[in-house]
Protein backbone atom coordinates (compact mmCIF):
# COMPACT_ATOMS: atom_id res chain seq x y z
CA MET A 1 128.92 99.20 65.46
CA ARG A 2 125.39 98.50 66.64
CA THR A 3 122.32 99.59 64.74
CA PRO A 4 119.47 101.60 66.22
CA SER A 5 116.96 98.93 65.22
CA ARG A 6 118.45 96.60 67.83
CA ARG A 7 117.32 98.75 70.72
CA LEU A 8 115.13 97.41 73.48
CA PHE A 9 114.56 96.16 76.80
CA ALA A 10 115.65 93.48 79.31
CA ALA A 11 117.29 92.57 82.63
CA LEU A 12 116.84 90.54 85.89
CA ALA A 13 117.68 87.80 89.00
CA LEU A 14 116.47 84.38 89.74
CA THR A 15 115.05 83.78 93.19
CA PRO A 16 112.83 85.62 95.64
CA LEU A 17 114.72 88.85 96.25
CA LEU A 18 112.74 91.80 97.42
CA ALA A 19 109.61 92.96 99.12
CA GLY A 20 107.02 94.70 96.96
CA CYS A 21 103.84 93.94 95.06
CA PHE A 22 103.91 92.88 91.44
CA VAL A 23 100.86 90.83 90.56
CA SER A 24 97.20 91.49 91.20
CA GLY A 25 96.63 88.08 92.67
CA GLU A 26 94.11 85.36 91.98
CA GLU A 27 90.88 85.73 90.09
CA GLY A 28 88.43 88.00 91.84
CA SER A 29 90.96 90.22 93.57
CA GLY A 30 89.44 93.35 92.07
CA SER A 31 86.13 94.91 93.06
CA ASP A 32 82.93 93.05 92.38
CA ALA A 33 80.71 93.68 89.40
CA GLU A 34 78.57 96.19 91.24
CA GLY A 35 81.37 97.90 93.13
CA GLY A 36 84.40 99.88 92.09
CA SER A 37 85.09 103.56 92.31
CA THR A 38 83.98 105.88 89.56
CA GLY A 39 87.06 108.00 90.20
CA ARG A 40 89.84 108.20 87.65
CA LEU A 41 93.51 108.17 88.55
CA ARG A 42 95.85 110.82 87.16
CA VAL A 43 99.39 109.54 86.68
CA ALA A 44 102.58 111.36 85.62
CA LEU A 45 105.23 109.12 84.05
CA ALA A 46 108.80 110.15 83.32
CA VAL A 47 109.91 108.64 80.02
CA PRO A 48 107.76 109.47 76.97
CA PRO A 49 106.95 106.62 74.58
CA VAL A 50 109.67 105.65 72.13
CA GLN A 51 107.57 103.53 69.77
CA ALA A 52 103.88 104.23 70.49
CA LEU A 53 103.93 101.83 73.47
CA SER A 54 105.14 98.85 71.46
CA PRO A 55 106.09 95.98 73.79
CA TYR A 56 109.24 95.52 71.71
CA SER A 57 110.64 98.85 72.86
CA ASN A 58 111.52 100.40 76.21
CA ASP A 59 107.82 101.33 76.34
CA ALA A 60 107.00 97.78 77.45
CA THR A 61 107.24 98.65 81.13
CA VAL A 62 104.41 101.17 80.72
CA LEU A 63 102.11 98.29 79.78
CA SER A 64 102.92 96.51 83.04
CA LYS A 65 103.04 99.63 85.22
CA LEU A 66 99.50 100.52 84.17
CA SER A 67 98.15 96.93 84.06
CA VAL A 68 97.29 97.10 80.39
CA ALA A 69 98.78 93.84 79.15
CA GLU A 70 99.90 90.53 80.61
CA GLY A 71 102.16 87.64 79.73
CA LEU A 72 101.75 83.98 80.55
CA THR A 73 103.34 84.62 83.94
CA ALA A 74 103.97 87.50 86.32
CA LEU A 75 106.28 88.09 89.28
CA ASP A 76 104.97 87.76 92.82
CA LYS A 77 106.16 89.99 95.66
CA ASN A 78 109.17 87.74 96.24
CA GLY A 79 110.26 87.71 92.62
CA ALA A 80 109.08 84.18 91.89
CA ALA A 81 106.98 83.24 88.85
CA ALA A 82 103.24 83.63 89.45
CA SER A 83 100.24 82.79 87.30
CA ALA A 84 98.88 85.36 84.86
CA LEU A 85 97.34 84.25 81.55
CA ALA A 86 98.72 80.81 82.32
CA LYS A 87 97.05 79.35 85.39
CA SER A 88 99.66 76.60 85.75
CA TRP A 89 102.71 75.07 84.08
CA LYS A 90 105.06 72.12 84.33
CA GLN A 91 108.46 71.21 82.96
CA LYS A 92 108.43 68.15 80.68
CA ASN A 93 112.21 67.96 80.21
CA ASP A 94 115.28 70.21 80.23
CA THR A 95 114.12 72.22 77.22
CA THR A 96 110.33 71.91 77.15
CA TRP A 97 107.55 73.38 79.32
CA THR A 98 103.76 73.09 79.09
CA PHE A 99 101.45 75.96 80.08
CA GLU A 100 97.71 75.67 80.79
CA LEU A 101 95.78 78.85 80.02
CA ARG A 102 93.04 80.37 82.15
CA LYS A 103 89.73 81.54 80.70
CA ALA A 104 90.32 85.15 79.71
CA THR A 105 89.43 87.61 76.99
CA PHE A 106 91.26 90.43 75.29
CA GLN A 107 89.95 93.97 75.50
CA ASP A 108 88.56 93.69 71.95
CA GLY A 109 86.32 90.83 73.11
CA THR A 110 88.22 87.97 71.49
CA PRO A 111 89.24 84.99 73.65
CA VAL A 112 92.76 84.29 74.85
CA THR A 113 93.67 80.95 73.26
CA ALA A 114 96.73 78.85 72.65
CA ASP A 115 96.83 80.22 69.11
CA SER A 116 96.92 83.75 70.57
CA VAL A 117 100.02 82.83 72.57
CA VAL A 118 101.69 81.16 69.58
CA SER A 119 101.06 84.29 67.52
CA ALA A 120 102.24 86.75 70.18
CA LEU A 121 105.47 84.93 71.05
CA GLY A 122 106.11 84.24 67.38
CA HIS A 123 105.94 87.94 66.60
CA ALA A 124 108.32 88.67 69.51
CA ASN A 125 110.79 86.07 68.19
CA ALA A 126 110.63 87.56 64.70
CA ALA A 127 110.68 91.25 65.65
CA ALA A 128 113.29 93.37 63.88
CA ALA A 129 113.98 95.06 67.20
CA LYS A 130 114.14 91.84 69.19
CA PRO A 131 113.12 92.15 72.86
CA ARG A 132 116.22 92.07 75.03
CA VAL A 133 114.72 89.32 77.14
CA LEU A 134 115.12 87.07 74.08
CA SER A 135 118.71 88.12 73.42
CA ASP A 136 120.06 84.77 74.64
CA VAL A 137 117.23 82.40 73.73
CA THR A 138 114.88 81.48 70.89
CA LEU A 139 111.43 80.15 71.77
CA THR A 140 109.56 77.48 69.81
CA VAL A 141 105.86 77.71 70.67
CA LYS A 142 103.20 75.12 69.81
CA ALA A 143 99.47 74.94 70.54
CA GLU A 144 98.60 71.47 71.89
CA ASP A 145 94.90 72.32 72.14
CA ALA A 146 92.82 75.47 72.66
CA ASP A 147 94.05 75.94 76.22
CA THR A 148 97.49 74.31 76.25
CA VAL A 149 100.80 75.66 74.95
CA THR A 150 104.17 73.95 74.76
CA ILE A 151 107.28 76.15 74.72
CA SER A 152 110.70 74.75 73.88
CA THR A 153 114.21 76.21 73.79
CA LYS A 154 117.28 74.89 71.96
CA THR A 155 119.25 74.69 75.19
CA PRO A 156 118.00 74.34 78.78
CA ASP A 157 116.49 77.55 80.14
CA PRO A 158 115.97 77.04 83.89
CA VAL A 159 114.22 80.40 84.28
CA LEU A 160 111.74 80.22 81.39
CA PRO A 161 108.67 80.92 83.61
CA LEU A 162 110.43 84.04 84.90
CA ARG A 163 111.44 85.05 81.38
CA LEU A 164 107.81 84.86 80.23
CA ALA A 165 106.89 87.43 82.88
CA SER A 166 108.69 90.09 80.86
CA PRO A 167 106.45 92.99 79.78
CA ALA A 168 108.11 92.64 76.37
CA LEU A 169 106.46 89.21 76.01
CA ALA A 170 102.93 90.46 76.68
CA VAL A 171 100.25 88.50 74.84
CA LEU A 172 98.04 90.80 72.75
CA SER A 173 95.06 90.06 70.52
CA ALA A 174 95.50 89.33 66.81
CA LYS A 175 94.68 92.86 65.68
CA ALA A 176 97.67 94.25 67.61
CA TYR A 177 100.13 92.87 65.06
CA ALA A 178 100.34 94.75 61.76
CA LYS A 179 101.82 93.36 58.55
CA ASP A 180 104.59 95.96 58.65
CA GLY A 181 105.85 94.57 61.95
CA THR A 182 104.48 97.30 64.21
CA VAL A 183 102.59 96.31 67.35
CA SER A 184 99.86 98.35 69.03
CA PRO A 185 98.55 97.67 72.56
CA VAL A 186 95.64 100.12 72.07
CA GLY A 187 92.54 98.08 72.84
CA THR A 188 94.38 94.77 72.46
CA GLY A 189 95.65 93.89 75.93
CA SER A 190 94.08 91.60 78.52
CA GLY A 191 94.66 93.61 81.71
CA PRO A 192 92.16 95.50 83.87
CA PHE A 193 92.84 98.81 82.08
CA GLU A 194 92.42 99.36 78.33
CA ILE A 195 94.25 102.02 76.35
CA THR A 196 91.50 103.84 74.47
CA LYS A 197 93.53 106.81 73.24
CA LEU A 198 97.23 107.55 72.80
CA THR A 199 98.14 111.16 72.05
CA GLY A 200 101.64 111.14 70.61
CA LYS A 201 104.29 111.17 73.31
CA SER A 202 102.35 113.30 75.75
CA LYS A 203 99.15 111.62 76.96
CA ALA A 204 97.18 108.38 77.10
CA THR A 205 93.65 107.58 78.21
CA LEU A 206 92.92 104.25 79.86
CA ASP A 207 89.44 102.99 80.74
CA ARG A 208 88.52 100.13 83.03
CA TYR A 209 88.06 96.84 81.18
CA ASP A 210 85.12 95.18 82.89
CA GLY A 211 85.82 91.77 81.33
CA TYR A 212 89.12 91.31 83.13
CA TRP A 213 89.55 87.76 84.45
CA GLY A 214 90.94 89.04 87.75
CA GLY A 215 87.88 91.11 88.65
CA ARG A 216 86.67 94.62 88.05
CA ALA A 217 89.20 97.35 88.89
CA ASN A 218 88.40 99.82 91.66
CA SER A 219 89.22 102.83 89.48
CA SER A 220 87.18 103.66 86.41
CA GLY A 221 90.25 104.65 84.43
CA VAL A 222 93.71 106.17 84.34
CA ASP A 223 94.71 109.44 82.67
CA VAL A 224 98.41 109.40 81.89
CA THR A 225 100.64 112.39 81.23
CA TRP A 226 104.31 112.06 80.33
CA ILE A 227 106.38 114.75 82.02
CA ALA A 228 110.07 114.29 81.29
CA ASP A 229 111.21 117.03 83.68
CA GLY A 230 111.41 115.71 87.24
CA THR A 231 110.80 119.06 88.91
CA ALA A 232 107.69 119.53 86.78
CA ARG A 233 106.44 116.07 87.86
CA ALA A 234 106.91 116.98 91.51
CA ASN A 235 105.18 120.33 90.98
CA ALA A 236 102.25 118.60 89.28
CA LEU A 237 101.80 116.41 92.36
CA ARG A 238 102.14 119.32 94.79
CA GLY A 239 99.69 121.37 92.75
CA GLY A 240 97.07 118.62 92.73
CA GLU A 241 97.27 118.15 88.96
CA VAL A 242 98.18 114.46 89.26
CA ASP A 243 97.56 111.80 91.90
CA ILE A 244 100.72 109.73 91.26
CA ALA A 245 104.08 110.99 90.04
CA GLU A 246 106.89 108.52 89.51
CA TRP A 247 110.61 109.11 90.01
CA ILE A 248 110.57 112.25 92.12
CA PRO A 249 114.04 113.86 91.92
CA THR A 250 115.94 113.65 95.17
CA ALA A 251 116.27 117.45 95.26
CA GLN A 252 112.47 117.67 95.21
CA ALA A 253 111.67 114.76 97.50
CA LYS A 254 112.11 116.60 100.78
CA LEU A 255 109.91 119.43 99.52
CA LEU A 256 106.96 117.02 99.35
CA ASP A 257 104.66 116.44 102.28
CA ARG A 258 105.85 113.36 104.17
CA LYS A 259 102.51 111.66 103.52
CA THR A 260 103.05 111.88 99.77
CA ARG A 261 106.73 110.86 99.70
CA HIS A 262 107.41 107.13 99.43
CA GLU A 263 110.98 105.84 99.40
CA VAL A 264 111.43 102.48 97.67
CA PRO A 265 114.50 100.25 97.90
CA SER A 266 115.60 99.85 94.31
CA VAL A 267 117.62 97.48 92.19
CA ARG A 268 118.62 100.50 90.07
CA THR A 269 122.35 101.10 89.64
CA ASP A 270 123.79 104.28 88.12
CA SER A 271 127.03 103.76 86.24
CA LEU A 272 129.50 105.31 83.85
CA VAL A 273 129.37 103.13 80.73
CA LEU A 274 132.47 103.37 78.52
CA ASN A 275 132.33 102.71 74.78
CA THR A 276 134.89 99.96 74.19
CA GLY A 277 133.96 99.56 70.51
CA SER A 278 135.10 102.90 69.11
CA GLY A 279 136.67 106.18 70.19
CA LEU A 280 138.94 106.94 73.13
CA PHE A 281 137.99 103.99 75.30
CA THR A 282 139.09 101.28 72.93
CA ASP A 283 142.31 101.88 74.88
CA SER A 284 142.13 99.78 78.07
CA ALA A 285 144.65 102.03 79.87
CA LEU A 286 142.37 105.03 79.30
CA ARG A 287 139.36 103.07 80.55
CA ALA A 288 141.32 102.19 83.67
CA ALA A 289 142.27 105.85 84.11
CA ALA A 290 138.62 106.85 83.89
CA ARG A 291 137.68 104.18 86.43
CA GLU A 292 140.29 105.41 88.91
CA ALA A 293 139.29 109.04 88.35
CA VAL A 294 135.63 108.50 89.11
CA ASP A 295 134.41 108.59 92.72
CA GLY A 296 130.75 107.63 93.00
CA SER A 297 130.68 108.05 96.78
CA ALA A 298 130.96 111.80 96.26
CA LEU A 299 127.52 111.72 94.62
CA VAL A 300 125.55 110.13 97.45
CA ASP A 301 124.95 113.30 99.44
CA SER A 302 125.82 116.03 96.95
CA VAL A 303 123.62 114.84 94.07
CA PHE A 304 121.28 112.22 95.53
CA GLY A 305 120.58 113.87 98.88
CA GLY A 306 121.21 110.62 100.70
CA TYR A 307 118.77 108.63 98.52
CA ALA A 308 121.54 106.33 97.28
CA ASP A 309 124.30 104.01 98.47
CA PRO A 310 127.89 103.96 97.17
CA ALA A 311 128.27 101.36 94.44
CA GLN A 312 129.37 97.88 95.47
CA GLY A 313 129.28 96.51 91.92
CA LEU A 314 126.61 96.04 89.28
CA PHE A 315 124.23 94.75 91.98
CA GLY A 316 123.58 96.76 95.13
CA PRO A 317 122.21 96.12 98.63
CA ALA A 318 118.64 95.65 97.36
CA VAL A 319 119.83 92.43 95.72
CA SER A 320 120.11 90.65 99.04
CA TRP A 321 122.19 87.67 97.93
CA ALA A 322 124.83 89.58 95.98
CA ALA A 323 127.09 90.89 98.74
CA ASP A 324 127.94 87.48 100.23
CA LYS A 325 128.77 86.06 96.81
CA ARG A 326 130.76 88.99 95.38
CA ILE A 327 134.15 88.10 93.88
CA ASP A 328 137.25 90.30 93.93
CA VAL A 329 138.01 91.80 90.53
CA THR A 330 141.43 90.88 89.17
CA GLY A 331 143.27 91.26 85.87
CA ARG A 332 142.37 94.87 85.21
CA ALA A 333 144.52 97.02 82.94
CA GLN A 334 146.92 99.47 84.57
CA ALA A 335 145.60 103.01 84.52
CA ALA A 336 147.41 105.56 82.38
CA PRO A 337 148.83 108.38 84.56
CA THR A 338 147.62 111.93 83.98
CA ALA A 339 150.51 112.90 81.71
CA GLN A 340 149.92 109.83 79.56
CA VAL A 341 146.17 110.49 79.43
CA LYS A 342 146.88 113.99 78.12
CA SER A 343 149.31 112.61 75.55
CA LYS A 344 147.01 109.82 74.35
CA THR A 345 143.98 112.12 74.10
CA LYS A 346 145.73 115.16 72.63
CA SER A 347 143.34 117.06 70.36
CA LYS A 348 140.60 114.55 71.22
CA THR A 349 137.48 115.22 73.27
CA LEU A 350 135.75 112.71 75.52
CA ARG A 351 132.09 112.80 74.50
CA LEU A 352 130.13 112.31 77.73
CA ALA A 353 126.39 111.73 77.33
CA THR A 354 123.45 111.49 79.67
CA TYR A 355 119.73 112.18 79.62
CA THR A 356 117.25 114.45 81.36
CA ASN A 357 114.54 111.96 82.34
CA ARG A 358 116.22 111.38 85.69
CA ALA A 359 117.13 114.76 87.13
CA GLU A 360 120.17 113.47 89.02
CA LEU A 361 121.98 112.27 85.90
CA PRO A 362 122.94 115.66 84.41
CA GLU A 363 124.20 116.71 87.85
CA THR A 364 126.16 113.47 88.07
CA ALA A 365 127.66 114.10 84.63
CA THR A 366 128.89 117.52 85.76
CA VAL A 367 130.62 116.01 88.79
CA LEU A 368 132.17 113.26 86.66
CA GLN A 369 133.34 115.80 84.09
CA GLN A 370 135.32 117.57 86.79
CA GLN A 371 136.79 114.29 88.03
CA LEU A 372 137.75 113.15 84.53
CA GLU A 373 139.27 116.50 83.60
CA LYS A 374 141.42 116.33 86.73
CA ALA A 375 142.71 112.99 85.39
CA GLY A 376 143.76 114.60 82.11
CA PHE A 377 140.73 114.17 79.83
CA THR A 378 139.09 116.97 77.86
CA VAL A 379 135.36 116.45 78.29
CA LYS A 380 132.30 117.70 76.44
CA GLN A 381 128.81 116.86 77.70
CA GLU A 382 125.73 116.13 75.63
CA VAL A 383 122.48 116.02 77.58
CA ARG A 384 119.15 115.26 75.94
CA GLU A 385 115.86 113.50 76.60
CA TYR A 386 116.45 109.75 76.41
CA THR A 387 114.23 108.94 73.43
CA GLN A 388 116.10 111.54 71.38
CA MET A 389 119.48 109.91 71.96
CA GLU A 390 118.81 106.17 72.25
CA ALA A 391 119.66 105.44 68.60
CA ASP A 392 122.97 107.31 68.90
CA LEU A 393 123.82 105.44 72.11
CA LEU A 394 123.23 102.08 70.46
CA ALA A 395 125.23 103.21 67.42
CA GLY A 396 128.27 103.99 69.58
CA LYS A 397 128.37 107.72 68.90
CA TYR A 398 129.52 108.65 72.42
CA ASP A 399 132.61 107.76 74.41
CA ALA A 400 130.83 107.48 77.74
CA LEU A 401 127.32 107.47 79.14
CA VAL A 402 126.05 108.27 82.62
CA PHE A 403 123.38 105.59 82.78
CA SER A 404 120.68 104.56 85.26
CA ARG A 405 119.77 100.88 84.87
CA VAL A 406 117.28 98.65 86.67
CA THR A 407 119.25 95.42 86.86
CA LEU A 408 116.25 93.24 87.81
CA LEU A 409 113.62 94.90 85.67
CA ASP A 410 112.22 92.16 83.56
CA THR A 411 112.18 88.55 84.65
CA GLY A 412 113.82 88.82 88.05
CA ASP A 413 116.83 86.94 86.62
CA ALA A 414 120.09 88.89 86.40
CA VAL A 415 121.44 86.77 83.57
CA ALA A 416 119.13 88.40 81.03
CA TYR A 417 120.41 91.85 82.03
CA LEU A 418 124.03 90.73 81.73
CA ALA A 419 123.39 89.03 78.38
CA SER A 420 121.67 92.01 76.81
CA ASP A 421 124.10 94.65 78.07
CA TYR A 422 127.52 92.95 78.04
CA THR A 423 127.71 89.95 75.68
CA SER A 424 129.26 90.36 72.24
CA ASP A 425 125.87 90.05 70.53
CA GLY A 426 123.82 91.68 73.28
CA VAL A 427 120.98 93.80 71.89
CA TYR A 428 121.54 96.58 74.46
CA ASN A 429 125.34 96.48 74.50
CA ILE A 430 125.90 100.24 74.69
CA ALA A 431 129.47 99.59 75.85
CA GLY A 432 130.22 97.71 72.62
CA LEU A 433 131.93 95.07 74.75
CA LYS A 434 133.31 92.00 72.99
CA ASP A 435 135.18 89.85 75.48
CA ALA A 436 135.34 86.05 75.26
CA LYS A 437 135.74 85.54 79.01
CA VAL A 438 132.71 87.72 79.71
CA ASP A 439 130.65 85.84 77.10
CA GLN A 440 131.61 82.49 78.61
CA ALA A 441 130.90 83.56 82.18
CA ILE A 442 127.41 84.78 81.26
CA LYS A 443 126.75 81.64 79.19
CA SER A 444 127.76 79.48 82.15
CA ALA A 445 125.39 81.36 84.46
CA ALA A 446 122.54 81.04 81.97
CA ALA A 447 122.87 77.26 81.85
CA GLU A 448 122.87 76.79 85.63
CA GLY A 449 119.57 75.61 87.12
CA ASP A 450 120.55 75.42 90.79
CA THR A 451 119.61 78.71 92.46
CA THR A 452 122.66 79.12 94.69
CA LYS A 453 125.10 78.07 91.99
CA ARG A 454 123.41 80.35 89.46
CA GLN A 455 123.76 83.32 91.79
CA GLN A 456 127.45 82.55 92.31
CA LYS A 457 128.01 82.34 88.56
CA ILE A 458 126.21 85.66 88.11
CA MET A 459 128.70 87.23 90.50
CA SER A 460 131.59 85.59 88.62
CA ALA A 461 130.23 87.20 85.46
CA GLU A 462 130.01 90.54 87.27
CA ALA A 463 133.70 90.29 88.15
CA GLU A 464 134.62 89.51 84.54
CA ILE A 465 132.62 92.51 83.29
CA LEU A 466 134.18 94.87 85.84
CA ARG A 467 137.63 93.57 84.86
CA THR A 468 137.18 95.11 81.40
CA ASP A 469 136.33 98.58 82.78
CA ALA A 470 133.51 98.77 80.25
CA VAL A 471 131.31 99.98 83.10
CA VAL A 472 132.12 101.83 86.32
CA PRO A 473 129.31 101.51 88.90
CA LEU A 474 128.66 104.78 90.74
CA VAL A 475 125.70 104.48 93.14
CA HIS A 476 122.73 102.26 93.93
CA GLU A 477 119.63 104.44 93.92
CA LYS A 478 116.68 104.64 96.25
CA VAL A 479 113.62 105.61 94.23
CA VAL A 480 111.10 108.15 95.51
CA GLN A 481 107.53 107.82 94.27
CA GLY A 482 105.05 110.66 94.82
CA ILE A 483 101.54 109.58 95.81
CA ALA A 484 98.73 111.90 96.87
CA ALA A 485 97.30 111.17 100.33
CA LYS A 486 93.88 110.46 98.79
CA VAL A 487 95.21 107.48 96.79
CA ALA A 488 95.47 103.90 98.06
CA GLY A 489 96.82 100.68 96.61
CA VAL A 490 99.77 102.02 94.58
CA LEU A 491 102.41 99.32 94.02
CA LEU A 492 105.81 100.26 95.43
CA ASP A 493 107.94 98.02 93.26
CA PRO A 494 111.74 97.81 93.67
CA ARG A 495 111.94 96.58 90.08
CA GLU A 496 109.91 99.57 88.80
CA ARG A 497 107.68 97.47 86.56
CA SER A 498 104.43 97.80 88.53
CA LEU A 499 102.55 100.88 89.70
CA VAL A 500 98.77 100.63 89.24
CA ASP A 501 96.54 97.55 89.41
CA VAL A 502 92.95 96.52 90.16
CA ASN A 503 93.23 97.64 93.77
CA THR A 504 94.66 101.14 93.15
CA ARG A 505 91.98 103.71 93.91
CA LEU A 506 90.96 107.09 95.23
CA LYS A 507 89.97 106.85 98.88
């Protein structure tokens, strides 16, 4: 059984993959010292903070979406590693890289130094809730001088510069790290916007940080409201209460003015995750029965209003290289027929969970319940807001989860996603999967430095995972972002890790 303290955050794919903007650019890309709008942006986000915006929780993406904090690297529009707090880097050998820092300051006025990086990455390594991006690697960080850092790994890590772009590995000032292990990004980041006030799980105030190395932001600040209900987010945009509303439900999208509705190709896959560690689905024949019962294509129009594609696997059409390298899945268990399902599950209820933060998921769960009941299962749903159920998910308290997952969220390398979600010691292994062939396939992909070969090994790992029926892909989503017509410069990011930067502004 997994413990709630091992929650977190991860995911990702190696080479240039998708169009979209991720990084502000080179120094001076913001407005000049005398320019910049005095207008403030009003943003509605979907998932309330889990741990007061700690980078070691799922909150980490908020820090990158709002340009609060940075790592040594970032992702460019093609998914390659780009400079951030590190202006350059080079590989010394298979396990060691050297990073040269740019001149930058934190929002509390202290300088960004090599010691700052050593401290930040050291705290990430030692965190009780270890960032998922570190689930398959341990970093050894050393300051060579004030502006030079050497980072080593025990085994070769061909994608280390991409890994360091993870929002979970943001470099914060010394005062961010408390003795009790908590981490606060309030006033301690290095990005163009500084968190000046965090009001529980409902609101945050961000002000422009004029000392940002990349230039002064166009907007004077960002006022953030967390609205978990998707319809309420869409209504807030329509009513002029917010300027940007993320994750507009598909049922609401066509009700928005066309000028405010922005469809984004996404690397998000919605799946039915089955708990292989305890409960009904320790039985491979029952997992196979669930897989055969579920029809994701029925969801595309009925639930997603056409803003989705039928699932092809863990990686959908937005991952451009996946389709040509996909491997047929073999060796699956034989599905139990309906009569056998009823016999095996007699007096037992399939506990089906999902969460409300994405409006389509409860609807999807209802469709799946009908499909599973037709196959002989007795199903009971539990639907809550995600932060209220994350600990139970990680502790294996449900039999199945309707889950929406960005497979290229963090570094752009899919291996980190596979390692965190499907290896025996993965820190986000909700499926409780422990399979030696899966572990080996993911390990082999992680060690491969050649881009084409790495991609092929990722797809081999996908086939091994699907063989176990620990996860049944349903659809590949298309995300709809709501943006008022008076706003310019919003980042339409297929990886959903960027939203506002120095160039985002009121017209």
